[in-house]
Amino acid sequence: MGYSEEGRALLAELERRGARLMFDRDGNTICQSERSGIASLLEVVRSSSPEALRNTRVADTVVGKAAALLLVRAEIGFVAARTMSEPAAATLRIHGIPFHAEVTVPMIHGRVEGKPCPFEHSVEGIDDPDEALTALEETAERWTGRVR
C-alpha cells in the first residue's frame, strides 16, 4: 500500500505510548486508550462531535469490520492497524479511506476459537455506518448489561 510509511510511523507511536488505540491530528495525539476490544472506539465515536474526529489518523491494534464501520462514520482520514480483517479492508476501500495493515486475516475471532467476535457478527450483513453503530451499541449493552 502507498501509505505504509505513514502507517508504520503511527503504529510505532502507538507502541511507544503503550496504547491499543490512538487518534492523531497533525502529529498531535488527541485521544488514546490502553484497553483492548472495540469498547474504547465505540465510546470515542459516540461521545465525539463529527468535527472532532473528521480527517484524523487512527492507529489500532485490531481493526475488524465493526471498527471499520465506526471509523467510516467518524470520517477518519487514515487507518493503521497491526491486524485487519479482510471485510474491514474492503469497507475502508469502498469508502475511500486509505489504510495500512501489517497483517490481514479473514475474520476477527472472538474468545471462542473459530467463532467470530460478537461485535463482528453483529455487523455481518450491515454496510451502513449508522446502522452499524446501532447494532454495536445493542451488542455492547447485551455483553455488558449496561445501557449507554
C-alpha atoms as a PDB file:
ATOM      1  CA  MET A   1       0.000   0.000   0.000  1.00  0.00           C
ATOM      2  CA  GLY A   2       1.163   3.504  -0.728  1.00  0.00           C
ATOM      3  CA  TYR A   3       0.638   4.611   2.829  1.00  0.00           C
ATOM      4  CA  SER A   4       2.906   2.124   4.573  1.00  0.00           C
ATOM      5  CA  GLU A   5       5.459   4.645   5.886  1.00  0.00           C
ATOM      6  CA  GLU A   6       2.704   6.707   7.492  1.00  0.00           C
ATOM      7  CA  GLY A   7       1.116   3.547   8.860  1.00  0.00           C
ATOM      8  CA  ARG A   8       4.376   2.203  10.258  1.00  0.00           C
ATOM      9  CA  ALA A   9       5.085   5.541  11.953  1.00  0.00           C
ATOM     10  CA  LEU A  10       1.632   5.627  13.561  1.00  0.00           C
ATOM     11  CA  LEU A  11       1.921   2.047  14.791  1.00  0.00           C
ATOM     12  CA  ALA A  12       5.398   2.753  16.192  1.00  0.00           C
ATOM     13  CA  GLU A  13       3.964   5.713  18.121  1.00  0.00           C
ATOM     14  CA  LEU A  14       1.091   3.543  19.359  1.00  0.00           C
ATOM     15  CA  GLU A  15       3.599   1.026  20.665  1.00  0.00           C
ATOM     16  CA  ARG A  16       5.847   3.722  22.182  1.00  0.00           C
ATOM     17  CA  ARG A  17       2.853   5.002  24.159  1.00  0.00           C
ATOM     18  CA  GLY A  18       1.809   1.517  25.271  1.00  0.00           C
ATOM     19  CA  ALA A  19      -1.653   2.193  23.842  1.00  0.00           C
ATOM     20  CA  ARG A  20      -4.036  -0.004  21.867  1.00  0.00           C
ATOM     21  CA  LEU A  21      -5.945   2.827  20.144  1.00  0.00           C
ATOM     22  CA  MET A  22      -4.805   6.324  19.222  1.00  0.00           C
ATOM     23  CA  PHE A  23      -6.309   9.253  17.306  1.00  0.00           C
ATOM     24  CA  ASP A  24      -3.813  11.715  15.834  1.00  0.00           C
ATOM     25  CA  ARG A  25      -4.254  15.078  14.133  1.00  0.00           C
ATOM     26  CA  ASP A  26      -1.224  16.759  12.573  1.00  0.00           C
ATOM     27  CA  GLY A  27       1.220  14.783  14.726  1.00  0.00           C
ATOM     28  CA  ASN A  28      -0.645  15.508  17.958  1.00  0.00           C
ATOM     29  CA  THR A  29      -2.411  12.734  19.845  1.00  0.00           C
ATOM     30  CA  ILE A  30      -5.959  13.867  20.560  1.00  0.00           C
ATOM     31  CA  CYS A  31      -7.144  10.658  22.218  1.00  0.00           C
ATOM     32  CA  GLN A  32      -5.741   7.274  23.204  1.00  0.00           C
ATOM     33  CA  SER A  33      -6.767   4.153  25.091  1.00  0.00           C
ATOM     34  CA  GLU A  34      -4.892   1.260  26.622  1.00  0.00           C
ATOM     35  CA  ARG A  35      -7.972  -1.001  26.705  1.00  0.00           C
ATOM     36  CA  SER A  36      -8.372  -3.809  24.198  1.00  0.00           C
ATOM     37  CA  GLY A  37     -11.528  -4.509  22.248  1.00  0.00           C
ATOM     38  CA  ILE A  38     -13.954  -2.280  20.406  1.00  0.00           C
ATOM     39  CA  ALA A  39     -15.443  -0.634  23.531  1.00  0.00           C
ATOM     40  CA  SER A  40     -12.927   2.238  23.536  1.00  0.00           C
ATOM     41  CA  LEU A  41     -13.517   3.030  19.879  1.00  0.00           C
ATOM     42  CA  LEU A  42     -17.277   2.841  20.336  1.00  0.00           C
ATOM     43  CA  GLU A  43     -17.027   5.261  23.279  1.00  0.00           C
ATOM     44  CA  VAL A  44     -14.889   7.760  21.373  1.00  0.00           C
ATOM     45  CA  VAL A  45     -17.085   7.733  18.262  1.00  0.00           C
ATOM     46  CA  ARG A  46     -20.286   8.012  20.269  1.00  0.00           C
ATOM     47  CA  SER A  47     -19.078  10.820  22.537  1.00  0.00           C
ATOM     48  CA  SER A  48     -17.207  12.965  19.993  1.00  0.00           C
ATOM     49  CA  SER A  49     -18.613  15.566  17.673  1.00  0.00           C
ATOM     50  CA  PRO A  50     -18.180  14.789  13.973  1.00  0.00           C
ATOM     51  CA  GLU A  51     -15.710  17.660  13.615  1.00  0.00           C
ATOM     52  CA  ALA A  52     -13.525  16.349  16.435  1.00  0.00           C
ATOM     53  CA  LEU A  53     -12.614  13.145  14.580  1.00  0.00           C
ATOM     54  CA  ARG A  54     -13.024  14.109  10.924  1.00  0.00           C
ATOM     55  CA  ASN A  55      -9.799  13.558   8.937  1.00  0.00           C
ATOM     56  CA  THR A  56      -7.831  12.337  11.949  1.00  0.00           C
ATOM     57  CA  ARG A  57      -5.433   9.436  11.660  1.00  0.00           C
ATOM     58  CA  VAL A  58      -6.157   6.330  13.725  1.00  0.00           C
ATOM     59  CA  ALA A  59      -3.789   3.619  14.896  1.00  0.00           C
ATOM     60  CA  ASP A  60      -5.355   0.491  16.386  1.00  0.00           C
ATOM     61  CA  THR A  61      -4.033  -2.945  17.211  1.00  0.00           C
ATOM     62  CA  VAL A  62      -7.005  -4.781  15.648  1.00  0.00           C
ATOM     63  CA  VAL A  63      -9.498  -3.446  13.099  1.00  0.00           C
ATOM     64  CA  GLY A  64     -12.414  -5.618  12.067  1.00  0.00           C
ATOM     65  CA  LYS A  65     -15.446  -4.658  10.012  1.00  0.00           C
ATOM     66  CA  ALA A  66     -17.218  -3.337  13.141  1.00  0.00           C
ATOM     67  CA  ALA A  67     -14.358  -0.913  13.854  1.00  0.00           C
ATOM     68  CA  ALA A  68     -14.054   0.000  10.169  1.00  0.00           C
ATOM     69  CA  LEU A  69     -17.724   0.981  10.006  1.00  0.00           C
ATOM     70  CA  LEU A  70     -17.317   3.159  13.117  1.00  0.00           C
ATOM     71  CA  LEU A  71     -14.270   4.811  11.552  1.00  0.00           C
ATOM     72  CA  VAL A  72     -16.184   5.432   8.326  1.00  0.00           C
ATOM     73  CA  ARG A  73     -18.993   7.007  10.365  1.00  0.00           C
ATOM     74  CA  ALA A  74     -16.444   9.285  12.062  1.00  0.00           C
ATOM     75  CA  GLU A  75     -14.997  10.284   8.670  1.00  0.00           C
ATOM     76  CA  ILE A  76     -11.477   9.264   9.655  1.00  0.00           C
ATOM     77  CA  GLY A  77      -8.746  10.244   7.197  1.00  0.00           C
ATOM     78  CA  PHE A  78      -6.346   7.296   7.597  1.00  0.00           C
ATOM     79  CA  VAL A  79      -6.265   3.976   9.489  1.00  0.00           C
ATOM     80  CA  ALA A  80      -3.217   1.973  10.575  1.00  0.00           C
ATOM     81  CA  ALA A  81      -3.669  -1.459  12.146  1.00  0.00           C
ATOM     82  CA  ARG A  82      -1.422  -4.246  13.291  1.00  0.00           C
ATOM     83  CA  THR A  83      -4.153  -6.741  12.305  1.00  0.00           C
ATOM     84  CA  MET A  84      -7.063  -6.013   9.983  1.00  0.00           C
ATOM     85  CA  SER A  85      -9.795  -8.298   8.715  1.00  0.00           C
ATOM     86  CA  GLU A  86     -10.475  -8.646   5.001  1.00  0.00           C
ATOM     87  CA  PRO A  87     -14.040  -7.280   5.479  1.00  0.00           C
ATOM     88  CA  ALA A  88     -12.577  -4.234   7.277  1.00  0.00           C
ATOM     89  CA  ALA A  89     -10.134  -3.594   4.436  1.00  0.00           C
ATOM     90  CA  ALA A  90     -12.970  -3.905   1.911  1.00  0.00           C
ATOM     91  CA  THR A  91     -15.139  -1.476   3.919  1.00  0.00           C
ATOM     92  CA  LEU A  92     -12.376   1.133   4.134  1.00  0.00           C
ATOM     93  CA  ARG A  93     -11.583   0.701   0.440  1.00  0.00           C
ATOM     94  CA  ILE A  94     -15.250   1.156  -0.588  1.00  0.00           C
ATOM     95  CA  HIS A  95     -15.435   4.374   1.444  1.00  0.00           C
ATOM     96  CA  GLY A  96     -12.147   5.717   0.110  1.00  0.00           C
ATOM     97  CA  ILE A  97     -10.294   5.699   3.427  1.00  0.00           C
ATOM     98  CA  PRO A  98      -6.594   4.940   2.983  1.00  0.00           C
ATOM     99  CA  PHE A  99      -5.168   2.346   5.355  1.00  0.00           C
ATOM    100  CA  HIS A 100      -2.119   0.348   6.330  1.00  0.00           C
ATOM    101  CA  ALA A 101      -2.360  -3.155   7.791  1.00  0.00           C
ATOM    102  CA  GLU A 102       0.633  -5.186   8.923  1.00  0.00           C
ATOM    103  CA  VAL A 103      -1.389  -8.408   8.780  1.00  0.00           C
ATOM    104  CA  THR A 104      -4.707  -9.114   7.056  1.00  0.00           C
ATOM    105  CA  VAL A 105      -6.853 -12.013   8.291  1.00  0.00           C
ATOM    106  CA  PRO A 106     -10.145 -13.497   7.051  1.00  0.00           C
ATOM    107  CA  MET A 107     -12.006 -12.605  10.265  1.00  0.00           C
ATOM    108  CA  ILE A 108     -11.537 -11.306  13.776  1.00  0.00           C
ATOM    109  CA  HIS A 109     -12.113 -14.151  16.192  1.00  0.00           C
ATOM    110  CA  GLY A 110     -13.879 -13.857  19.500  1.00  0.00           C
ATOM    111  CA  ARG A 111     -12.830 -15.517  22.726  1.00  0.00           C
ATOM    112  CA  VAL A 112     -14.252 -18.815  21.449  1.00  0.00           C
ATOM    113  CA  GLU A 113     -11.783 -20.227  18.946  1.00  0.00           C
ATOM    114  CA  GLY A 114     -13.152 -20.470  15.422  1.00  0.00           C
ATOM    115  CA  LYS A 115     -16.112 -18.182  16.126  1.00  0.00           C
ATOM    116  CA  PRO A 116     -16.234 -14.547  15.063  1.00  0.00           C
ATOM    117  CA  CYS A 117     -16.110 -11.783  17.637  1.00  0.00           C
ATOM    118  CA  PRO A 118     -19.696 -10.954  18.741  1.00  0.00           C
ATOM    119  CA  PHE A 119     -19.259  -7.368  17.511  1.00  0.00           C
ATOM    120  CA  GLU A 120     -18.092  -8.605  14.118  1.00  0.00           C
ATOM    121  CA  HIS A 121     -21.049 -10.971  13.995  1.00  0.00           C
ATOM    122  CA  SER A 122     -23.462  -8.104  14.797  1.00  0.00           C
ATOM    123  CA  VAL A 123     -22.421  -6.156  11.659  1.00  0.00           C
ATOM    124  CA  GLU A 124     -22.027  -9.124   9.312  1.00  0.00           C
ATOM    125  CA  GLY A 125     -24.815  -8.080   6.942  1.00  0.00           C
ATOM    126  CA  ILE A 126     -24.538  -4.340   7.564  1.00  0.00           C
ATOM    127  CA  ASP A 127     -22.817  -1.813   5.317  1.00  0.00           C
ATOM    128  CA  ASP A 128     -24.396   1.415   6.607  1.00  0.00           C
ATOM    129  CA  PRO A 129     -22.256   3.091   9.317  1.00  0.00           C
ATOM    130  CA  ASP A 130     -25.280   4.490  11.223  1.00  0.00           C
ATOM    131  CA  GLU A 131     -26.993   1.099  11.238  1.00  0.00           C
ATOM    132  CA  ALA A 132     -23.699  -0.441  12.405  1.00  0.00           C
ATOM    133  CA  LEU A 133     -23.481   1.997  15.333  1.00  0.00           C
ATOM    134  CA  THR A 134     -26.961   0.955  16.488  1.00  0.00           C
ATOM    135  CA  ALA A 135     -26.132  -2.759  16.162  1.00  0.00           C
ATOM    136  CA  LEU A 136     -22.850  -2.309  18.031  1.00  0.00           C
ATOM    137  CA  GLU A 137     -24.485  -0.362  20.847  1.00  0.00           C
ATOM    138  CA  GLU A 138     -27.098  -3.117  21.214  1.00  0.00           C
ATOM    139  CA  THR A 139     -24.380  -5.765  21.272  1.00  0.00           C
ATOM    140  CA  ALA A 140     -22.375  -3.804  23.847  1.00  0.00           C
ATOM    141  CA  GLU A 141     -25.473  -3.494  26.014  1.00  0.00           C
ATOM    142  CA  ARG A 142     -26.104  -7.249  25.823  1.00  0.00           C
ATOM    143  CA  TRP A 143     -22.495  -8.069  26.669  1.00  0.00           C
ATOM    144  CA  THR A 144     -22.021  -5.556  29.452  1.00  0.00           C
ATOM    145  CA  GLY A 145     -25.553  -5.303  30.776  1.00  0.00           C
ATOM    146  CA  ARG A 146     -25.198  -1.548  30.830  1.00  0.00           C
ATOM    147  CA  VAL A 147     -27.327   0.953  28.981  1.00  0.00           C
ATOM    148  CA  ARG A 148     -25.204   3.640  27.353  1.00  0.00           C
END
